[in-house]
């Protein structure tokens, strides 16, 4: 797969960077010097130096990585691995996996709270037990790298998440109801 760099002043592609197979998610570090790209089919992350537009590291993660986010201090990278049902926490400086955190089925999108203390993970569908027909949002405490709570939705998919500067989380949900249940 590739990542294209587009010059917004001219609306032209400056360059295309070859990354892993089926790139699905991207996130910059805080100063923009590194771009992290999840590659769904090659089960890895490409780390791009944005000054040279070259891949400087490839980090193997779990199966089917999709969503990705960096901690505000830039020390950790969180990646949702869909088929492994976990979130890989990666040391951004060394590129090594610190921990894989088990979550609900099909983790999809990942965002960090405005205050930098929580990771929110949206799940695309297929939970187990009494919540089988519901989607979910896992809330991970950054200091302990552990799930502290799971919110369930009344339909199957929490596709995309965004954090407002005031701290509220916006969730793009598939379905006709907007209920989120504790």
C-alpha atoms as a PDB file:
ATOM      1  CA  UNK A   1       0.000   0.000   0.000  1.00  0.00           C
ATOM      2  CA  UNK A   2       0.938   3.648  -0.154  1.00  0.00           C
ATOM      3  CA  UNK A   3       0.447   6.897   1.714  1.00  0.00           C
ATOM      4  CA  UNK A   4       0.216   9.969  -0.508  1.00  0.00           C
ATOM      5  CA  UNK A   5       1.522  13.362   0.574  1.00  0.00           C
ATOM      6  CA  UNK A   6      -0.711  16.077  -0.871  1.00  0.00           C
ATOM      7  CA  UNK A   7       0.377  19.712  -1.212  1.00  0.00           C
ATOM      8  CA  UNK A   8      -2.761  21.579  -0.128  1.00  0.00           C
ATOM      9  CA  UNK A   9      -1.626  24.816  -1.784  1.00  0.00           C
ATOM     10  CA  UNK A  10      -1.631  23.183  -5.233  1.00  0.00           C
ATOM     11  CA  UNK A  11      -3.841  20.153  -4.562  1.00  0.00           C
ATOM     12  CA  UNK A  12      -1.240  17.881  -6.103  1.00  0.00           C
ATOM     13  CA  UNK A  13       0.388  14.705  -4.879  1.00  0.00           C
ATOM     14  CA  UNK A  14       3.979  15.504  -3.882  1.00  0.00           C
ATOM     15  CA  UNK A  15       5.013  11.918  -3.302  1.00  0.00           C
ATOM     16  CA  UNK A  16       3.710   8.480  -2.440  1.00  0.00           C
ATOM     17  CA  UNK A  17       5.328   6.452   0.313  1.00  0.00           C
ATOM     18  CA  UNK A  18       5.291   2.658   0.103  1.00  0.00           C
ATOM     19  CA  UNK A  19       4.085   1.169   3.399  1.00  0.00           C
ATOM     20  CA  UNK A  20       2.692  -2.243   4.377  1.00  0.00           C
ATOM     21  CA  UNK A  21      -0.305  -4.049   2.882  1.00  0.00           C
ATOM     22  CA  UNK A  22      -3.741  -2.380   3.115  1.00  0.00           C
ATOM     23  CA  UNK A  23      -3.000   0.782   5.144  1.00  0.00           C
ATOM     24  CA  UNK A  24      -6.026   1.663   7.290  1.00  0.00           C
ATOM     25  CA  UNK A  25      -5.101   4.153  10.006  1.00  0.00           C
ATOM     26  CA  UNK A  26      -2.719   7.057  10.493  1.00  0.00           C
ATOM     27  CA  UNK A  27      -1.537   9.223  13.380  1.00  0.00           C
ATOM     28  CA  UNK A  28       1.179  11.849  13.771  1.00  0.00           C
ATOM     29  CA  UNK A  29       3.369  12.334  16.808  1.00  0.00           C
ATOM     30  CA  UNK A  30       2.938  15.722  18.507  1.00  0.00           C
ATOM     31  CA  UNK A  31       5.571  17.587  16.469  1.00  0.00           C
ATOM     32  CA  UNK A  32       4.636  15.954  13.155  1.00  0.00           C
ATOM     33  CA  UNK A  33       8.081  14.441  12.611  1.00  0.00           C
ATOM     34  CA  UNK A  34       6.728  10.867  12.539  1.00  0.00           C
ATOM     35  CA  UNK A  35       3.645   9.393  10.902  1.00  0.00           C
ATOM     36  CA  UNK A  36       2.445   6.001  12.148  1.00  0.00           C
ATOM     37  CA  UNK A  37       0.472   3.900   9.641  1.00  0.00           C
ATOM     38  CA  UNK A  38      -1.445   0.719  10.499  1.00  0.00           C
ATOM     39  CA  UNK A  39      -1.306  -1.944   7.788  1.00  0.00           C
ATOM     40  CA  UNK A  40      -4.263  -4.343   8.049  1.00  0.00           C
ATOM     41  CA  UNK A  41      -3.034  -7.206   5.854  1.00  0.00           C
ATOM     42  CA  UNK A  42       0.653  -7.213   6.808  1.00  0.00           C
ATOM     43  CA  UNK A  43      -0.138  -6.941  10.558  1.00  0.00           C
ATOM     44  CA  UNK A  44       2.316  -4.132  11.184  1.00  0.00           C
ATOM     45  CA  UNK A  45       2.851  -0.409  11.549  1.00  0.00           C
ATOM     46  CA  UNK A  46       5.008   1.644   9.220  1.00  0.00           C
ATOM     47  CA  UNK A  47       6.795   4.537  10.928  1.00  0.00           C
ATOM     48  CA  UNK A  48       7.470   7.360   8.458  1.00  0.00           C
ATOM     49  CA  UNK A  49      10.018  10.157   8.922  1.00  0.00           C
ATOM     50  CA  UNK A  50       8.052  13.113   7.532  1.00  0.00           C
ATOM     51  CA  UNK A  51      11.178  15.159   6.769  1.00  0.00           C
ATOM     52  CA  UNK A  52      12.388  12.514   4.306  1.00  0.00           C
ATOM     53  CA  UNK A  53       9.049  10.748   3.617  1.00  0.00           C
ATOM     54  CA  UNK A  54      10.809   7.434   4.180  1.00  0.00           C
ATOM     55  CA  UNK A  55       9.754   4.458   6.293  1.00  0.00           C
ATOM     56  CA  UNK A  56      12.258   4.289   9.162  1.00  0.00           C
ATOM     57  CA  UNK A  57      10.759   1.398  11.106  1.00  0.00           C
ATOM     58  CA  UNK A  58       8.241  -1.399  10.709  1.00  0.00           C
ATOM     59  CA  UNK A  59       6.684  -2.697  13.910  1.00  0.00           C
ATOM     60  CA  UNK A  60       4.904  -6.053  13.937  1.00  0.00           C
ATOM     61  CA  UNK A  61       1.652  -5.949  15.913  1.00  0.00           C
ATOM     62  CA  UNK A  62      -1.416  -8.191  16.241  1.00  0.00           C
ATOM     63  CA  UNK A  63      -3.741  -9.362  13.489  1.00  0.00           C
ATOM     64  CA  UNK A  64      -5.642  -6.828  11.420  1.00  0.00           C
ATOM     65  CA  UNK A  65      -4.498  -3.522  12.991  1.00  0.00           C
ATOM     66  CA  UNK A  66      -6.848  -0.644  12.213  1.00  0.00           C
ATOM     67  CA  UNK A  67      -7.161   2.349  14.551  1.00  0.00           C
ATOM     68  CA  UNK A  68      -4.113   4.087  15.995  1.00  0.00           C
ATOM     69  CA  UNK A  69      -3.451   6.951  18.419  1.00  0.00           C
ATOM     70  CA  UNK A  70      -0.456   8.432  20.221  1.00  0.00           C
ATOM     71  CA  UNK A  71      -0.365   9.528  23.837  1.00  0.00           C
ATOM     72  CA  UNK A  72      -0.127  13.314  24.240  1.00  0.00           C
ATOM     73  CA  UNK A  73       3.421  13.031  25.585  1.00  0.00           C
ATOM     74  CA  UNK A  74       4.394  10.971  22.536  1.00  0.00           C
ATOM     75  CA  UNK A  75       5.747   8.014  24.502  1.00  0.00           C
ATOM     76  CA  UNK A  76       3.069   5.431  23.654  1.00  0.00           C
ATOM     77  CA  UNK A  77       1.293   4.295  20.515  1.00  0.00           C
ATOM     78  CA  UNK A  78      -2.038   2.451  20.906  1.00  0.00           C
ATOM     79  CA  UNK A  79      -3.192   0.176  18.081  1.00  0.00           C
ATOM     80  CA  UNK A  80      -6.515  -1.699  17.774  1.00  0.00           C
ATOM     81  CA  UNK A  81      -5.918  -5.239  16.475  1.00  0.00           C
ATOM     82  CA  UNK A  82      -9.308  -6.359  15.165  1.00  0.00           C
ATOM     83  CA  UNK A  83      -9.049 -10.139  14.966  1.00  0.00           C
ATOM     84  CA  UNK A  84      -6.845 -10.512  18.066  1.00  0.00           C
ATOM     85  CA  UNK A  85      -9.399  -8.556  20.124  1.00  0.00           C
ATOM     86  CA  UNK A  86      -6.720  -6.457  21.772  1.00  0.00           C
ATOM     87  CA  UNK A  87      -4.935  -3.126  21.798  1.00  0.00           C
ATOM     88  CA  UNK A  88      -1.159  -3.141  21.424  1.00  0.00           C
ATOM     89  CA  UNK A  89       0.608  -0.505  23.508  1.00  0.00           C
ATOM     90  CA  UNK A  90       3.925   0.347  21.877  1.00  0.00           C
ATOM     91  CA  UNK A  91       6.899   2.272  23.235  1.00  0.00           C
ATOM     92  CA  UNK A  92       7.211   5.040  20.624  1.00  0.00           C
ATOM     93  CA  UNK A  93      10.953   5.473  21.237  1.00  0.00           C
ATOM     94  CA  UNK A  94      11.990   1.826  20.894  1.00  0.00           C
ATOM     95  CA  UNK A  95       9.185   0.438  18.713  1.00  0.00           C
ATOM     96  CA  UNK A  96       8.635  -2.482  21.092  1.00  0.00           C
ATOM     97  CA  UNK A  97       5.298  -3.710  22.362  1.00  0.00           C
ATOM     98  CA  UNK A  98       4.858  -2.918  26.050  1.00  0.00           C
ATOM     99  CA  UNK A  99       1.598  -4.796  26.457  1.00  0.00           C
ATOM    100  CA  UNK A 100      -1.370  -6.244  24.579  1.00  0.00           C
ATOM    101  CA  UNK A 101      -4.604  -5.284  26.355  1.00  0.00           C
ATOM    102  CA  UNK A 102      -7.553  -7.666  25.816  1.00  0.00           C
ATOM    103  CA  UNK A 103     -10.768  -5.874  24.803  1.00  0.00           C
ATOM    104  CA  UNK A 104     -14.156  -6.784  23.272  1.00  0.00           C
ATOM    105  CA  UNK A 105     -14.544  -8.147  19.714  1.00  0.00           C
ATOM    106  CA  UNK A 106     -13.388  -6.253  16.644  1.00  0.00           C
ATOM    107  CA  UNK A 107     -11.708  -3.149  18.092  1.00  0.00           C
ATOM    108  CA  UNK A 108     -11.790  -0.572  15.325  1.00  0.00           C
ATOM    109  CA  UNK A 109     -10.988   3.030  16.205  1.00  0.00           C
ATOM    110  CA  UNK A 110      -8.753   4.432  18.962  1.00  0.00           C
ATOM    111  CA  UNK A 111      -8.624   7.945  20.436  1.00  0.00           C
ATOM    112  CA  UNK A 112      -6.963   9.494  23.481  1.00  0.00           C
ATOM    113  CA  UNK A 113      -8.931  11.671  25.909  1.00  0.00           C
ATOM    114  CA  UNK A 114      -8.316  15.427  25.913  1.00  0.00           C
ATOM    115  CA  UNK A 115      -6.546  15.199  29.290  1.00  0.00           C
ATOM    116  CA  UNK A 116      -4.378  12.279  28.136  1.00  0.00           C
ATOM    117  CA  UNK A 117      -5.520   9.845  30.831  1.00  0.00           C
ATOM    118  CA  UNK A 118      -7.833   7.513  28.879  1.00  0.00           C
ATOM    119  CA  UNK A 119      -7.827   5.531  25.657  1.00  0.00           C
ATOM    120  CA  UNK A 120     -11.240   5.026  24.053  1.00  0.00           C
ATOM    121  CA  UNK A 121     -11.663   2.050  21.714  1.00  0.00           C
ATOM    122  CA  UNK A 122     -14.701   1.706  19.436  1.00  0.00           C
ATOM    123  CA  UNK A 123     -15.746  -1.838  18.536  1.00  0.00           C
ATOM    124  CA  UNK A 124     -17.195  -2.730  15.182  1.00  0.00           C
ATOM    125  CA  UNK A 125     -19.508  -5.590  16.268  1.00  0.00           C
ATOM    126  CA  UNK A 126     -19.983  -9.074  17.627  1.00  0.00           C
ATOM    127  CA  UNK A 127     -19.706  -9.069  21.401  1.00  0.00           C
ATOM    128  CA  UNK A 128     -20.186 -12.183  23.482  1.00  0.00           C
ATOM    129  CA  UNK A 129     -22.739 -13.407  26.008  1.00  0.00           C
ATOM    130  CA  UNK A 130     -25.726 -11.245  26.897  1.00  0.00           C
ATOM    131  CA  UNK A 131     -24.241  -8.317  24.954  1.00  0.00           C
ATOM    132  CA  UNK A 132     -23.848 -10.310  21.712  1.00  0.00           C
ATOM    133  CA  UNK A 133     -25.985  -7.978  19.603  1.00  0.00           C
ATOM    134  CA  UNK A 134     -24.422  -4.806  20.997  1.00  0.00           C
ATOM    135  CA  UNK A 135     -21.408  -2.740  20.068  1.00  0.00           C
ATOM    136  CA  UNK A 136     -19.023  -1.368  22.655  1.00  0.00           C
ATOM    137  CA  UNK A 137     -16.590   1.329  23.662  1.00  0.00           C
ATOM    138  CA  UNK A 138     -13.728   0.159  25.866  1.00  0.00           C
ATOM    139  CA  UNK A 139     -12.179   2.725  28.202  1.00  0.00           C
ATOM    140  CA  UNK A 140      -8.521   2.057  29.019  1.00  0.00           C
ATOM    141  CA  UNK A 141      -6.638   3.827  31.810  1.00  0.00           C
ATOM    142  CA  UNK A 142      -3.323   5.011  30.317  1.00  0.00           C
ATOM    143  CA  UNK A 143      -1.378   4.836  33.594  1.00  0.00           C
ATOM    144  CA  UNK A 144      -2.214   1.164  34.202  1.00  0.00           C
ATOM    145  CA  UNK A 145      -2.786   0.060  30.571  1.00  0.00           C
ATOM    146  CA  UNK A 146      -5.921  -1.787  31.705  1.00  0.00           C
ATOM    147  CA  UNK A 147      -9.599  -1.651  30.691  1.00  0.00           C
ATOM    148  CA  UNK A 148     -11.441   0.187  33.451  1.00  0.00           C
ATOM    149  CA  UNK A 149     -14.914   0.147  31.914  1.00  0.00           C
ATOM    150  CA  UNK A 150     -16.844  -0.949  28.852  1.00  0.00           C
ATOM    151  CA  UNK A 151     -19.844   1.007  27.582  1.00  0.00           C
ATOM    152  CA  UNK A 152     -22.326  -0.931  25.450  1.00  0.00           C
ATOM    153  CA  UNK A 153     -24.402   0.486  22.611  1.00  0.00           C
ATOM    154  CA  UNK A 154     -27.846  -0.666  21.511  1.00  0.00           C
ATOM    155  CA  UNK A 155     -26.592  -1.595  18.035  1.00  0.00           C
ATOM    156  CA  UNK A 156     -23.568  -3.324  16.597  1.00  0.00           C
ATOM    157  CA  UNK A 157     -20.988  -0.829  15.409  1.00  0.00           C
ATOM    158  CA  UNK A 158     -19.072   2.063  16.956  1.00  0.00           C
ATOM    159  CA  UNK A 159     -17.221   2.992  13.755  1.00  0.00           C
ATOM    160  CA  UNK A 160     -15.301   6.138  14.573  1.00  0.00           C
ATOM    161  CA  UNK A 161     -14.480   8.222  17.639  1.00  0.00           C
ATOM    162  CA  UNK A 162     -13.366  11.833  18.088  1.00  0.00           C
ATOM    163  CA  UNK A 163     -12.407  13.801  21.180  1.00  0.00           C
ATOM    164  CA  UNK A 164     -13.692  17.367  21.536  1.00  0.00           C
ATOM    165  CA  UNK A 165     -11.360  19.832  23.320  1.00  0.00           C
ATOM    166  CA  UNK A 166     -13.913  19.967  26.173  1.00  0.00           C
ATOM    167  CA  UNK A 167     -13.333  16.250  26.791  1.00  0.00           C
ATOM    168  CA  UNK A 168     -16.540  14.845  25.307  1.00  0.00           C
ATOM    169  CA  UNK A 169     -16.227  11.801  23.075  1.00  0.00           C
ATOM    170  CA  UNK A 170     -18.176  11.774  19.818  1.00  0.00           C
ATOM    171  CA  UNK A 171     -19.021   8.312  18.478  1.00  0.00           C
ATOM    172  CA  UNK A 172     -20.205   7.493  14.944  1.00  0.00           C
ATOM    173  CA  UNK A 173     -22.659   4.638  15.505  1.00  0.00           C
ATOM    174  CA  UNK A 174     -24.443   2.437  13.001  1.00  0.00           C
ATOM    175  CA  UNK A 175     -28.154   2.209  13.706  1.00  0.00           C
ATOM    176  CA  UNK A 176     -31.184   4.319  14.481  1.00  0.00           C
ATOM    177  CA  UNK A 177     -30.819   4.647  18.255  1.00  0.00           C
ATOM    178  CA  UNK A 178     -28.241   6.805  19.989  1.00  0.00           C
ATOM    179  CA  UNK A 179     -28.179   4.961  23.317  1.00  0.00           C
ATOM    180  CA  UNK A 180     -24.944   4.261  25.121  1.00  0.00           C
ATOM    181  CA  UNK A 181     -25.409   2.143  28.233  1.00  0.00           C
ATOM    182  CA  UNK A 182     -23.121   1.534  31.185  1.00  0.00           C
END
